[in-house]
Amino acid sequence: MPAPDRDFQASEDFVAICADDAAFRAWYDAALPVVYGYVFIRVGGDHALTEELTQQAMVRAIRARATYDGRAKTVAWVCGIARNLLIDHHRRLDREQRSLFRVIVREVEPDHAAGLAERDTLLEALRRLPALQRAAMVLRYLDGLPVRQVAIAIGKSEKATESLLSRGRERFRYMYDRPSDG
């Protein structure tokens, strides 16, 4: 039975493991908890997201088994795939938040010009926040989610989310008081 951290000398070794049902099951059973643990910590303990990303990483590794070059242990290679999936996940979240801001801008219709100027100043201050701070601020203060749900949504711990929100509020106040010149 192969250990999950066995050094394979070439892709053929890993391809052979994947072709043998018993060997693959043994490798998979040993590798899965390692990859799951790697992802779990990085998504702030969100089990559903951890399961999804771990499954995607394992599937991608199996599909790309012929590209495995043996330079790293297979579990490290799969964790690298998981890391790339995490990056993609956060990029996707950032795109979703940006589109959410576009929706918010369209929904806010002030009654007069002063309200319009105020809205623009608020939105400009929000836009100038780093993406993760902006996402946390919107989820917490515009959508009214509790910190715990914000933490799950952005893949951080509650403490890290509270810190992020604190820094976000501080930076938002600074940006609001100093609108950009253009």
N, C-alpha and C. Protein backbone atom coordinates (compact mmCIF):
# COMPACT_ATOMS: atom_id res chain seq x y z
N MET A 1 0.84 -1.18 0.00
CA MET A 1 0.00 0.00 0.00
C MET A 1 0.88 1.24 0.00
N PRO A 2 0.64 2.15 -0.94
CA PRO A 2 1.47 3.36 -0.98
C PRO A 2 1.06 4.36 0.09
N ALA A 3 2.03 5.02 0.65
CA ALA A 3 1.76 6.10 1.60
C ALA A 3 1.45 7.34 0.78
N PRO A 4 0.69 8.31 1.34
CA PRO A 4 0.34 9.48 0.56
C PRO A 4 1.54 10.35 0.24
N ASP A 5 2.61 10.22 1.02
CA ASP A 5 3.77 11.06 0.79
C ASP A 5 4.91 10.31 0.09
N ARG A 6 4.57 9.17 -0.46
CA ARG A 6 5.59 8.40 -1.17
C ARG A 6 6.13 9.23 -2.32
N ASP A 7 7.43 9.21 -2.49
CA ASP A 7 8.05 9.89 -3.62
C ASP A 7 7.95 8.99 -4.84
N PHE A 8 7.21 9.42 -5.82
CA PHE A 8 7.16 8.69 -7.08
C PHE A 8 8.27 9.25 -7.95
N GLN A 9 8.93 8.40 -8.67
CA GLN A 9 10.06 8.84 -9.47
C GLN A 9 9.63 9.44 -10.80
N ALA A 10 8.46 9.08 -11.27
CA ALA A 10 8.00 9.61 -12.55
C ALA A 10 6.49 9.52 -12.59
N SER A 11 5.91 10.18 -13.56
CA SER A 11 4.46 10.16 -13.70
C SER A 11 3.96 8.74 -13.92
N GLU A 12 4.78 7.87 -14.52
CA GLU A 12 4.33 6.50 -14.76
C GLU A 12 4.00 5.78 -13.46
N ASP A 13 4.75 6.07 -12.38
CA ASP A 13 4.49 5.45 -11.10
C ASP A 13 3.11 5.86 -10.58
N PHE A 14 2.80 7.12 -10.65
CA PHE A 14 1.51 7.60 -10.18
C PHE A 14 0.39 7.12 -11.09
N VAL A 15 0.64 7.11 -12.38
CA VAL A 15 -0.34 6.58 -13.33
C VAL A 15 -0.64 5.12 -13.01
N ALA A 16 0.40 4.36 -12.67
CA ALA A 16 0.22 2.95 -12.33
C ALA A 16 -0.62 2.80 -11.05
N ILE A 17 -0.36 3.64 -10.06
CA ILE A 17 -1.15 3.60 -8.83
C ILE A 17 -2.61 3.88 -9.15
N CYS A 18 -2.86 4.88 -10.00
CA CYS A 18 -4.23 5.24 -10.36
C CYS A 18 -4.93 4.13 -11.14
N ALA A 19 -4.16 3.30 -11.83
CA ALA A 19 -4.74 2.22 -12.63
C ALA A 19 -5.07 0.99 -11.80
N ASP A 20 -4.45 0.85 -10.66
CA ASP A 20 -4.66 -0.31 -9.79
C ASP A 20 -5.66 0.07 -8.70
N ASP A 21 -6.84 -0.53 -8.70
CA ASP A 21 -7.92 -0.15 -7.78
C ASP A 21 -7.49 -0.20 -6.31
N ALA A 22 -6.85 -1.27 -5.90
CA ALA A 22 -6.46 -1.41 -4.49
C ALA A 22 -5.38 -0.40 -4.12
N ALA A 23 -4.40 -0.22 -4.98
CA ALA A 23 -3.33 0.74 -4.71
C ALA A 23 -3.88 2.16 -4.69
N PHE A 24 -4.77 2.45 -5.62
CA PHE A 24 -5.35 3.79 -5.66
C PHE A 24 -6.16 4.05 -4.39
N ARG A 25 -6.97 3.09 -3.98
CA ARG A 25 -7.80 3.26 -2.77
C ARG A 25 -6.93 3.51 -1.56
N ALA A 26 -5.84 2.77 -1.44
CA ALA A 26 -4.94 2.96 -0.31
C ALA A 26 -4.30 4.36 -0.36
N TRP A 27 -3.86 4.77 -1.54
CA TRP A 27 -3.27 6.10 -1.68
C TRP A 27 -4.31 7.18 -1.36
N TYR A 28 -5.49 7.04 -1.93
CA TYR A 28 -6.56 8.02 -1.75
C TYR A 28 -6.96 8.13 -0.28
N ASP A 29 -7.13 7.00 0.39
CA ASP A 29 -7.53 7.00 1.80
C ASP A 29 -6.49 7.68 2.68
N ALA A 30 -5.24 7.56 2.31
CA ALA A 30 -4.17 8.20 3.09
C ALA A 30 -4.01 9.68 2.71
N ALA A 31 -4.20 10.01 1.44
CA ALA A 31 -3.98 11.38 0.97
C ALA A 31 -5.15 12.31 1.29
N LEU A 32 -6.36 11.79 1.25
CA LEU A 32 -7.54 12.64 1.42
C LEU A 32 -7.53 13.46 2.72
N PRO A 33 -7.25 12.86 3.87
CA PRO A 33 -7.27 13.68 5.10
C PRO A 33 -6.20 14.77 5.10
N VAL A 34 -5.09 14.52 4.45
CA VAL A 34 -4.02 15.53 4.40
C VAL A 34 -4.48 16.72 3.56
N VAL A 35 -5.04 16.44 2.39
CA VAL A 35 -5.50 17.51 1.51
C VAL A 35 -6.68 18.25 2.17
N TYR A 36 -7.58 17.49 2.77
CA TYR A 36 -8.74 18.09 3.45
C TYR A 36 -8.26 19.05 4.55
N GLY A 37 -7.31 18.61 5.35
CA GLY A 37 -6.77 19.46 6.42
C GLY A 37 -6.12 20.72 5.89
N TYR A 38 -5.40 20.58 4.78
CA TYR A 38 -4.76 21.73 4.15
C TYR A 38 -5.81 22.77 3.75
N VAL A 39 -6.88 22.31 3.12
CA VAL A 39 -7.92 23.22 2.65
C VAL A 39 -8.74 23.78 3.82
N PHE A 40 -9.08 22.92 4.77
CA PHE A 40 -9.95 23.29 5.90
C PHE A 40 -9.43 24.53 6.63
N ILE A 41 -8.16 24.55 6.91
CA ILE A 41 -7.57 25.68 7.63
C ILE A 41 -7.64 26.95 6.79
N ARG A 42 -7.48 26.82 5.50
CA ARG A 42 -7.42 27.98 4.61
C ARG A 42 -8.79 28.56 4.25
N VAL A 43 -9.85 27.83 4.56
CA VAL A 43 -11.20 28.37 4.30
C VAL A 43 -11.91 28.70 5.61
N GLY A 44 -11.16 28.78 6.68
CA GLY A 44 -11.74 29.19 7.96
C GLY A 44 -12.69 28.19 8.58
N GLY A 45 -12.49 26.90 8.27
CA GLY A 45 -13.31 25.88 8.90
C GLY A 45 -14.66 25.64 8.24
N ASP A 46 -14.85 26.13 7.03
CA ASP A 46 -16.11 25.91 6.31
C ASP A 46 -16.07 24.49 5.73
N HIS A 47 -16.83 23.59 6.35
CA HIS A 47 -16.79 22.18 5.94
C HIS A 47 -17.28 21.98 4.50
N ALA A 48 -18.37 22.62 4.14
CA ALA A 48 -18.92 22.43 2.79
C ALA A 48 -17.94 22.90 1.73
N LEU A 49 -17.35 24.06 1.93
CA LEU A 49 -16.37 24.58 0.97
C LEU A 49 -15.13 23.70 0.95
N THR A 50 -14.71 23.23 2.13
CA THR A 50 -13.55 22.34 2.21
C THR A 50 -13.79 21.07 1.41
N GLU A 51 -14.96 20.48 1.60
CA GLU A 51 -15.28 19.25 0.87
C GLU A 51 -15.29 19.49 -0.63
N GLU A 52 -15.90 20.58 -1.05
CA GLU A 52 -15.98 20.90 -2.49
C GLU A 52 -14.59 21.09 -3.09
N LEU A 53 -13.77 21.91 -2.46
CA LEU A 53 -12.44 22.19 -3.01
C LEU A 53 -11.52 20.97 -2.93
N THR A 54 -11.64 20.18 -1.87
CA THR A 54 -10.84 18.95 -1.76
C THR A 54 -11.22 17.99 -2.86
N GLN A 55 -12.50 17.81 -3.07
CA GLN A 55 -12.96 16.92 -4.14
C GLN A 55 -12.46 17.40 -5.50
N GLN A 56 -12.58 18.68 -5.76
CA GLN A 56 -12.11 19.22 -7.04
C GLN A 56 -10.60 19.00 -7.20
N ALA A 57 -9.84 19.20 -6.13
CA ALA A 57 -8.39 19.01 -6.21
C ALA A 57 -8.04 17.56 -6.51
N MET A 58 -8.70 16.63 -5.83
CA MET A 58 -8.42 15.21 -6.07
C MET A 58 -8.80 14.82 -7.50
N VAL A 59 -9.95 15.28 -7.97
CA VAL A 59 -10.37 14.95 -9.33
C VAL A 59 -9.39 15.53 -10.35
N ARG A 60 -8.99 16.76 -10.14
CA ARG A 60 -8.03 17.37 -11.08
C ARG A 60 -6.69 16.63 -11.06
N ALA A 61 -6.27 16.21 -9.89
CA ALA A 61 -5.01 15.47 -9.80
C ALA A 61 -5.10 14.16 -10.57
N ILE A 62 -6.20 13.46 -10.40
CA ILE A 62 -6.36 12.18 -11.09
C ILE A 62 -6.42 12.40 -12.59
N ARG A 63 -7.15 13.42 -13.01
CA ARG A 63 -7.23 13.72 -14.45
C ARG A 63 -5.89 14.13 -15.03
N ALA A 64 -5.07 14.79 -14.21
CA ALA A 64 -3.77 15.28 -14.68
C ALA A 64 -2.62 14.37 -14.27
N ARG A 65 -2.94 13.13 -13.91
CA ARG A 65 -1.91 12.21 -13.37
C ARG A 65 -0.72 12.05 -14.31
N ALA A 66 -0.93 12.12 -15.59
CA ALA A 66 0.18 11.96 -16.54
C ALA A 66 1.13 13.14 -16.51
N THR A 67 0.69 14.28 -15.96
CA THR A 67 1.57 15.45 -15.90
C THR A 67 2.39 15.49 -14.62
N TYR A 68 2.09 14.60 -13.68
CA TYR A 68 2.86 14.54 -12.43
C TYR A 68 4.29 14.15 -12.78
N ASP A 69 5.25 14.98 -12.35
CA ASP A 69 6.65 14.75 -12.75
C ASP A 69 7.54 14.15 -11.67
N GLY A 70 7.00 13.91 -10.49
CA GLY A 70 7.78 13.27 -9.44
C GLY A 70 8.70 14.20 -8.67
N ARG A 71 8.70 15.49 -8.97
CA ARG A 71 9.60 16.41 -8.26
C ARG A 71 9.13 16.68 -6.84
N ALA A 72 7.83 16.57 -6.61
CA ALA A 72 7.27 16.77 -5.27
C ALA A 72 6.50 15.52 -4.90
N LYS A 73 6.25 15.36 -3.63
CA LYS A 73 5.42 14.23 -3.20
C LYS A 73 4.00 14.45 -3.74
N THR A 74 3.30 13.37 -4.01
CA THR A 74 1.98 13.51 -4.63
C THR A 74 1.02 14.34 -3.79
N VAL A 75 1.05 14.19 -2.49
CA VAL A 75 0.14 14.96 -1.66
C VAL A 75 0.48 16.44 -1.74
N ALA A 76 1.74 16.79 -1.76
CA ALA A 76 2.13 18.19 -1.92
C ALA A 76 1.66 18.71 -3.28
N TRP A 77 1.75 17.89 -4.29
CA TRP A 77 1.28 18.26 -5.63
C TRP A 77 -0.23 18.50 -5.61
N VAL A 78 -0.98 17.63 -4.96
CA VAL A 78 -2.43 17.80 -4.87
C VAL A 78 -2.76 19.03 -4.03
N CYS A 79 -2.00 19.28 -2.98
CA CYS A 79 -2.22 20.49 -2.18
C CYS A 79 -1.94 21.75 -3.02
N GLY A 80 -0.98 21.67 -3.91
CA GLY A 80 -0.73 22.78 -4.84
C GLY A 80 -1.92 23.01 -5.75
N ILE A 81 -2.53 21.95 -6.21
CA ILE A 81 -3.74 22.06 -7.01
C ILE A 81 -4.85 22.70 -6.17
N ALA A 82 -4.98 22.26 -4.93
CA ALA A 82 -5.99 22.83 -4.02
C ALA A 82 -5.73 24.32 -3.79
N ARG A 83 -4.47 24.68 -3.64
CA ARG A 83 -4.11 26.10 -3.45
C ARG A 83 -4.57 26.93 -4.65
N ASN A 84 -4.36 26.41 -5.85
CA ASN A 84 -4.80 27.12 -7.05
C ASN A 84 -6.33 27.22 -7.09
N LEU A 85 -7.02 26.19 -6.64
CA LEU A 85 -8.48 26.24 -6.58
C LEU A 85 -8.95 27.29 -5.57
N LEU A 86 -8.24 27.39 -4.44
CA LEU A 86 -8.56 28.42 -3.45
C LEU A 86 -8.39 29.82 -4.04
N ILE A 87 -7.30 30.02 -4.76
CA ILE A 87 -7.06 31.32 -5.40
C ILE A 87 -8.18 31.62 -6.38
N ASP A 88 -8.55 30.63 -7.19
CA ASP A 88 -9.67 30.82 -8.14
C ASP A 88 -10.96 31.15 -7.40
N HIS A 89 -11.19 30.47 -6.28
CA HIS A 89 -12.39 30.70 -5.48
C HIS A 89 -12.44 32.15 -5.00
N HIS A 90 -11.32 32.66 -4.48
CA HIS A 90 -11.29 34.03 -3.99
C HIS A 90 -11.41 35.04 -5.12
N ARG A 91 -10.85 34.74 -6.26
CA ARG A 91 -11.02 35.63 -7.42
C ARG A 91 -12.49 35.68 -7.83
N ARG A 92 -13.13 34.52 -7.84
CA ARG A 92 -14.55 34.45 -8.19
C ARG A 92 -15.38 35.26 -7.20
N LEU A 93 -15.05 35.13 -5.90
CA LEU A 93 -15.76 35.92 -4.89
C LEU A 93 -15.57 37.42 -5.14
N ASP A 94 -14.35 37.80 -5.48
CA ASP A 94 -14.08 39.22 -5.74
C ASP A 94 -14.91 39.71 -6.92
N ARG A 95 -14.99 38.91 -8.00
CA ARG A 95 -15.81 39.30 -9.16
C ARG A 95 -17.27 39.42 -8.77
N GLU A 96 -17.76 38.49 -7.95
CA GLU A 96 -19.15 38.54 -7.50
C GLU A 96 -19.41 39.79 -6.67
N GLN A 97 -18.45 40.16 -5.81
CA GLN A 97 -18.63 41.35 -5.00
C GLN A 97 -18.66 42.61 -5.86
N ARG A 98 -17.78 42.64 -6.87
CA ARG A 98 -17.79 43.80 -7.75
C ARG A 98 -19.12 43.93 -8.48
N SER A 99 -19.68 42.81 -8.91
CA SER A 99 -20.97 42.89 -9.59
C SER A 99 -22.07 43.26 -8.59
N LEU A 100 -21.94 42.84 -7.33
CA LEU A 100 -22.89 43.22 -6.30
C LEU A 100 -22.90 44.74 -6.13
N PHE A 101 -21.72 45.36 -6.15
CA PHE A 101 -21.66 46.82 -6.03
C PHE A 101 -22.38 47.50 -7.18
N ARG A 102 -22.26 46.93 -8.38
CA ARG A 102 -22.96 47.51 -9.52
C ARG A 102 -24.47 47.44 -9.30
N VAL A 103 -24.95 46.34 -8.74
CA VAL A 103 -26.38 46.21 -8.45
C VAL A 103 -26.80 47.22 -7.39
N ILE A 104 -25.99 47.36 -6.35
CA ILE A 104 -26.30 48.31 -5.27
C ILE A 104 -26.39 49.72 -5.83
N VAL A 105 -25.44 50.08 -6.69
CA VAL A 105 -25.44 51.42 -7.27
C VAL A 105 -26.74 51.66 -8.04
N ARG A 106 -27.20 50.68 -8.77
CA ARG A 106 -28.43 50.83 -9.54
C ARG A 106 -29.66 50.90 -8.65
N GLU A 107 -29.63 50.22 -7.51
CA GLU A 107 -30.79 50.18 -6.63
C GLU A 107 -30.94 51.45 -5.79
N VAL A 108 -29.84 52.13 -5.52
CA VAL A 108 -29.89 53.33 -4.69
C VAL A 108 -30.26 54.51 -5.58
N GLU A 109 -31.42 55.08 -5.34
CA GLU A 109 -31.86 56.23 -6.11
C GLU A 109 -32.24 57.35 -5.15
N PRO A 110 -31.32 58.23 -4.85
CA PRO A 110 -31.62 59.31 -3.91
C PRO A 110 -32.64 60.29 -4.50
N ASP A 111 -33.30 60.99 -3.60
CA ASP A 111 -34.36 61.92 -4.01
C ASP A 111 -33.82 63.23 -4.57
N HIS A 112 -32.60 63.57 -4.23
CA HIS A 112 -32.09 64.87 -4.68
C HIS A 112 -30.59 64.80 -4.95
N ALA A 113 -30.06 65.87 -5.49
CA ALA A 113 -28.65 65.91 -5.89
C ALA A 113 -27.70 65.70 -4.72
N ALA A 114 -28.04 66.23 -3.54
CA ALA A 114 -27.17 66.05 -2.36
C ALA A 114 -27.07 64.58 -2.00
N GLY A 115 -28.18 63.88 -2.07
CA GLY A 115 -28.18 62.44 -1.79
C GLY A 115 -27.34 61.69 -2.80
N LEU A 116 -27.39 62.11 -4.06
CA LEU A 116 -26.60 61.48 -5.12
C LEU A 116 -25.11 61.67 -4.87
N ALA A 117 -24.72 62.88 -4.49
CA ALA A 117 -23.31 63.15 -4.19
C ALA A 117 -22.85 62.32 -3.00
N GLU A 118 -23.69 62.22 -1.98
CA GLU A 118 -23.35 61.42 -0.79
C GLU A 118 -23.18 59.96 -1.17
N ARG A 119 -24.10 59.44 -1.98
CA ARG A 119 -24.02 58.04 -2.42
C ARG A 119 -22.71 57.81 -3.18
N ASP A 120 -22.38 58.72 -4.08
CA ASP A 120 -21.15 58.57 -4.86
C ASP A 120 -19.91 58.59 -3.97
N THR A 121 -19.91 59.44 -2.95
CA THR A 121 -18.78 59.51 -2.02
C THR A 121 -18.66 58.20 -1.25
N LEU A 122 -19.81 57.67 -0.78
CA LEU A 122 -19.80 56.40 -0.06
C LEU A 122 -19.29 55.26 -0.95
N LEU A 123 -19.80 55.20 -2.17
CA LEU A 123 -19.39 54.12 -3.07
C LEU A 123 -17.92 54.23 -3.46
N GLU A 124 -17.44 55.44 -3.65
CA GLU A 124 -16.03 55.63 -3.97
C GLU A 124 -15.15 55.16 -2.81
N ALA A 125 -15.55 55.47 -1.59
CA ALA A 125 -14.79 55.01 -0.41
C ALA A 125 -14.80 53.49 -0.35
N LEU A 126 -15.94 52.86 -0.63
CA LEU A 126 -16.01 51.39 -0.65
C LEU A 126 -15.13 50.81 -1.74
N ARG A 127 -15.18 51.40 -2.93
CA ARG A 127 -14.37 50.88 -4.05
C ARG A 127 -12.88 50.93 -3.76
N ARG A 128 -12.46 51.87 -2.95
CA ARG A 128 -11.04 52.05 -2.67
C ARG A 128 -10.52 51.11 -1.60
N LEU A 129 -11.41 50.35 -0.97
CA LEU A 129 -10.98 49.35 0.01
C LEU A 129 -10.41 48.14 -0.72
N PRO A 130 -9.47 47.42 -0.11
CA PRO A 130 -9.02 46.15 -0.68
C PRO A 130 -10.22 45.20 -0.82
N ALA A 131 -10.18 44.33 -1.81
CA ALA A 131 -11.32 43.48 -2.16
C ALA A 131 -11.88 42.70 -0.97
N LEU A 132 -11.03 42.10 -0.17
CA LEU A 132 -11.51 41.28 0.94
C LEU A 132 -12.17 42.15 2.02
N GLN A 133 -11.58 43.31 2.30
CA GLN A 133 -12.20 44.23 3.26
C GLN A 133 -13.55 44.70 2.73
N ARG A 134 -13.58 45.05 1.47
CA ARG A 134 -14.82 45.53 0.85
C ARG A 134 -15.90 44.45 0.93
N ALA A 135 -15.53 43.21 0.60
CA ALA A 135 -16.49 42.11 0.65
C ALA A 135 -17.02 41.93 2.06
N ALA A 136 -16.14 41.93 3.04
CA ALA A 136 -16.55 41.76 4.43
C ALA A 136 -17.46 42.90 4.88
N MET A 137 -17.11 44.13 4.51
CA MET A 137 -17.92 45.29 4.90
C MET A 137 -19.32 45.21 4.27
N VAL A 138 -19.39 44.85 3.02
CA VAL A 138 -20.69 44.75 2.35
C VAL A 138 -21.54 43.66 2.98
N LEU A 139 -20.94 42.49 3.19
CA LEU A 139 -21.69 41.39 3.78
C LEU A 139 -22.18 41.73 5.18
N ARG A 140 -21.34 42.39 5.94
CA ARG A 140 -21.70 42.70 7.33
C ARG A 140 -22.67 43.86 7.44
N TYR A 141 -22.36 44.97 6.76
CA TYR A 141 -23.12 46.20 7.00
C TYR A 141 -24.20 46.48 5.96
N LEU A 142 -24.05 46.02 4.75
CA LEU A 142 -25.11 46.22 3.76
C LEU A 142 -26.08 45.04 3.76
N ASP A 143 -25.53 43.83 3.81
CA ASP A 143 -26.39 42.65 3.81
C ASP A 143 -26.84 42.25 5.21
N GLY A 144 -26.18 42.80 6.23
CA GLY A 144 -26.59 42.55 7.61
C GLY A 144 -26.27 41.15 8.13
N LEU A 145 -25.29 40.49 7.54
CA LEU A 145 -24.93 39.16 8.01
C LEU A 145 -24.15 39.25 9.33
N PRO A 146 -24.32 38.27 10.21
CA PRO A 146 -23.50 38.24 11.43
C PRO A 146 -22.05 37.92 11.07
N VAL A 147 -21.15 38.28 11.94
CA VAL A 147 -19.72 38.08 11.69
C VAL A 147 -19.42 36.62 11.33
N ARG A 148 -20.07 35.70 12.01
CA ARG A 148 -19.82 34.27 11.74
C ARG A 148 -20.11 33.92 10.28
N GLN A 149 -21.23 34.41 9.74
CA GLN A 149 -21.57 34.12 8.34
C GLN A 149 -20.64 34.84 7.38
N VAL A 150 -20.23 36.05 7.73
CA VAL A 150 -19.26 36.76 6.91
C VAL A 150 -17.97 35.95 6.86
N ALA A 151 -17.53 35.45 8.01
CA ALA A 151 -16.30 34.66 8.08
C ALA A 151 -16.39 33.44 7.17
N ILE A 152 -17.51 32.76 7.21
CA ILE A 152 -17.69 31.58 6.36
C ILE A 152 -17.65 31.98 4.89
N ALA A 153 -18.33 33.08 4.56
CA ALA A 153 -18.42 33.52 3.17
C ALA A 153 -17.05 33.89 2.59
N ILE A 154 -16.20 34.48 3.41
CA ILE A 154 -14.90 34.91 2.88
C ILE A 154 -13.78 33.93 3.19
N GLY A 155 -14.09 32.86 3.90
CA GLY A 155 -13.10 31.82 4.17
C GLY A 155 -12.07 32.19 5.20
N LYS A 156 -12.49 32.93 6.21
CA LYS A 156 -11.58 33.32 7.30
C LYS A 156 -12.19 32.89 8.63
N SER A 157 -11.37 32.90 9.67
CA SER A 157 -11.89 32.63 11.01
C SER A 157 -12.70 33.83 11.48
N GLU A 158 -13.49 33.63 12.53
CA GLU A 158 -14.28 34.75 13.06
C GLU A 158 -13.36 35.86 13.58
N LYS A 159 -12.30 35.48 14.27
CA LYS A 159 -11.36 36.48 14.80
C LYS A 159 -10.71 37.26 13.67
N ALA A 160 -10.28 36.55 12.61
CA ALA A 160 -9.66 37.22 11.47
C ALA A 160 -10.67 38.15 10.78
N THR A 161 -11.93 37.72 10.73
CA THR A 161 -12.97 38.53 10.10
C THR A 161 -13.25 39.77 10.94
N GLU A 162 -13.29 39.61 12.26
CA GLU A 162 -13.49 40.78 13.12
C GLU A 162 -12.36 41.78 12.93
N SER A 163 -11.14 41.29 12.85
CA SER A 163 -9.99 42.15 12.62
C SER A 163 -10.08 42.83 11.25
N LEU A 164 -10.46 42.06 10.24
CA LEU A 164 -10.62 42.59 8.89
C LEU A 164 -11.69 43.69 8.86
N LEU A 165 -12.80 43.45 9.55
CA LEU A 165 -13.87 44.45 9.62
C LEU A 165 -13.41 45.71 10.35
N SER A 166 -12.65 45.52 11.42
CA SER A 166 -12.14 46.67 12.17
C SER A 166 -11.22 47.52 11.28
N ARG A 167 -10.29 46.85 10.60
CA ARG A 167 -9.40 47.58 9.69
C ARG A 167 -10.19 48.18 8.54
N GLY A 168 -11.21 47.48 8.07
CA GLY A 168 -12.05 47.98 6.97
C GLY A 168 -12.81 49.24 7.38
N ARG A 169 -13.37 49.24 8.58
CA ARG A 169 -14.08 50.44 9.07
C ARG A 169 -13.14 51.62 9.16
N GLU A 170 -11.95 51.35 9.71
CA GLU A 170 -10.97 52.42 9.86
C GLU A 170 -10.55 52.97 8.49
N ARG A 171 -10.27 52.08 7.57
CA ARG A 171 -9.85 52.51 6.23
C ARG A 171 -11.00 53.19 5.49
N PHE A 172 -12.22 52.68 5.67
CA PHE A 172 -13.38 53.29 5.04
C PHE A 172 -13.55 54.74 5.51
N ARG A 173 -13.44 54.97 6.84
CA ARG A 173 -13.54 56.33 7.36
C ARG A 173 -12.48 57.23 6.75
N TYR A 174 -11.27 56.70 6.65
CA TYR A 174 -10.17 57.48 6.06
C TYR A 174 -10.48 57.79 4.60
N MET A 175 -10.94 56.79 3.83
CA MET A 175 -11.24 57.00 2.42
C MET A 175 -12.44 57.93 2.23
N TYR A 176 -13.40 57.83 3.10
CA TYR A 176 -14.59 58.67 3.01
C TYR A 176 -14.25 60.12 3.26
N ASP A 177 -13.36 60.37 4.22
CA ASP A 177 -12.94 61.73 4.53
C ASP A 177 -12.01 62.32 3.49
N ARG A 178 -11.42 61.48 2.65
CA ARG A 178 -10.47 61.94 1.63
C ARG A 178 -10.87 61.38 0.26
N PRO A 179 -11.95 61.92 -0.33
CA PRO A 179 -12.37 61.40 -1.63
C PRO A 179 -11.26 61.57 -2.66
N SER A 180 -11.25 60.67 -3.64
CA SER A 180 -10.20 60.75 -4.68
C SER A 180 -10.44 61.97 -5.55
N ASP A 181 -9.40 62.38 -6.22
CA ASP A 181 -9.49 63.58 -7.07
C ASP A 181 -10.13 63.26 -8.42
N GLY A 182 -10.26 62.04 -8.76
CA GLY A 182 -10.83 61.77 -10.08
C GLY A 182 -11.11 60.39 -10.21
